[in-house]
């Protein structure tokens, strides 16, 4: 859609994360905790207090 989308880029991560339920976050963190080194490499971390 390059050149056809005339709205400023917006980081939607916080909005989308806020929509996740506690069970969703707990499930994600069960997987992500096994790969924290990979997350850290890309500048991410497991969300503490979320499962």
C-alpha atoms as a PDB file:
ATOM      1  CA  UNK A   1       0.000   0.000   0.000  1.00  0.00           C
ATOM      2  CA  UNK A   2       3.065   2.203  -0.196  1.00  0.00           C
ATOM      3  CA  UNK A   3       2.106   5.510  -1.705  1.00  0.00           C
ATOM      4  CA  UNK A   4      -1.615   4.839  -1.260  1.00  0.00           C
ATOM      5  CA  UNK A   5      -1.916   5.140   2.498  1.00  0.00           C
ATOM      6  CA  UNK A   6      -1.861   8.745   3.663  1.00  0.00           C
ATOM      7  CA  UNK A   7      -1.935   8.338   7.427  1.00  0.00           C
ATOM      8  CA  UNK A   8       1.004   8.674   9.786  1.00  0.00           C
ATOM      9  CA  UNK A   9       2.525   5.420  10.943  1.00  0.00           C
ATOM     10  CA  UNK A  10       1.332   4.532  14.419  1.00  0.00           C
ATOM     11  CA  UNK A  11       2.711   2.013  16.904  1.00  0.00           C
ATOM     12  CA  UNK A  12      -0.336  -0.112  17.703  1.00  0.00           C
ATOM     13  CA  UNK A  13       1.469  -2.564  19.999  1.00  0.00           C
ATOM     14  CA  UNK A  14       0.263  -1.112  23.307  1.00  0.00           C
ATOM     15  CA  UNK A  15      -3.329  -0.944  22.084  1.00  0.00           C
ATOM     16  CA  UNK A  16      -3.286  -4.530  20.830  1.00  0.00           C
ATOM     17  CA  UNK A  17      -1.528  -5.870  23.943  1.00  0.00           C
ATOM     18  CA  UNK A  18      -4.144  -4.148  26.129  1.00  0.00           C
ATOM     19  CA  UNK A  19      -6.827  -6.171  24.334  1.00  0.00           C
ATOM     20  CA  UNK A  20      -5.264  -9.497  25.374  1.00  0.00           C
ATOM     21  CA  UNK A  21      -6.716 -11.348  28.327  1.00  0.00           C
ATOM     22  CA  UNK A  22      -4.757 -12.759  31.254  1.00  0.00           C
ATOM     23  CA  UNK A  23      -5.018 -16.290  29.830  1.00  0.00           C
ATOM     24  CA  UNK A  24      -3.626 -15.129  26.480  1.00  0.00           C
ATOM     25  CA  UNK A  25      -0.667 -13.410  28.115  1.00  0.00           C
ATOM     26  CA  UNK A  26       0.027 -16.418  30.335  1.00  0.00           C
ATOM     27  CA  UNK A  27       0.051 -18.713  27.292  1.00  0.00           C
ATOM     28  CA  UNK A  28       2.393 -16.404  25.370  1.00  0.00           C
ATOM     29  CA  UNK A  29       4.746 -16.094  28.323  1.00  0.00           C
ATOM     30  CA  UNK A  30       4.975 -19.875  28.757  1.00  0.00           C
ATOM     31  CA  UNK A  31       6.516 -19.953  25.294  1.00  0.00           C
ATOM     32  CA  UNK A  32       8.436 -16.681  25.422  1.00  0.00           C
ATOM     33  CA  UNK A  33      10.172 -17.471  28.711  1.00  0.00           C
ATOM     34  CA  UNK A  34      11.872 -20.414  26.995  1.00  0.00           C
ATOM     35  CA  UNK A  35      13.306 -17.993  24.435  1.00  0.00           C
ATOM     36  CA  UNK A  36      14.122 -14.879  26.475  1.00  0.00           C
ATOM     37  CA  UNK A  37      17.592 -14.735  24.919  1.00  0.00           C
ATOM     38  CA  UNK A  38      16.071 -14.360  21.461  1.00  0.00           C
ATOM     39  CA  UNK A  39      13.632 -11.700  22.678  1.00  0.00           C
ATOM     40  CA  UNK A  40      16.499  -9.798  24.325  1.00  0.00           C
ATOM     41  CA  UNK A  41      18.508  -9.930  21.097  1.00  0.00           C
ATOM     42  CA  UNK A  42      15.710  -7.978  19.374  1.00  0.00           C
ATOM     43  CA  UNK A  43      15.188  -5.603  22.312  1.00  0.00           C
ATOM     44  CA  UNK A  44      12.111  -7.278  23.790  1.00  0.00           C
ATOM     45  CA  UNK A  45      11.376  -8.818  27.174  1.00  0.00           C
ATOM     46  CA  UNK A  46       8.710 -11.036  28.689  1.00  0.00           C
ATOM     47  CA  UNK A  47       5.928  -8.927  30.185  1.00  0.00           C
ATOM     48  CA  UNK A  48       6.293  -9.368  33.938  1.00  0.00           C
ATOM     49  CA  UNK A  49       3.112  -9.961  35.880  1.00  0.00           C
ATOM     50  CA  UNK A  50       1.471 -11.464  32.821  1.00  0.00           C
ATOM     51  CA  UNK A  51       1.337 -15.158  33.529  1.00  0.00           C
END
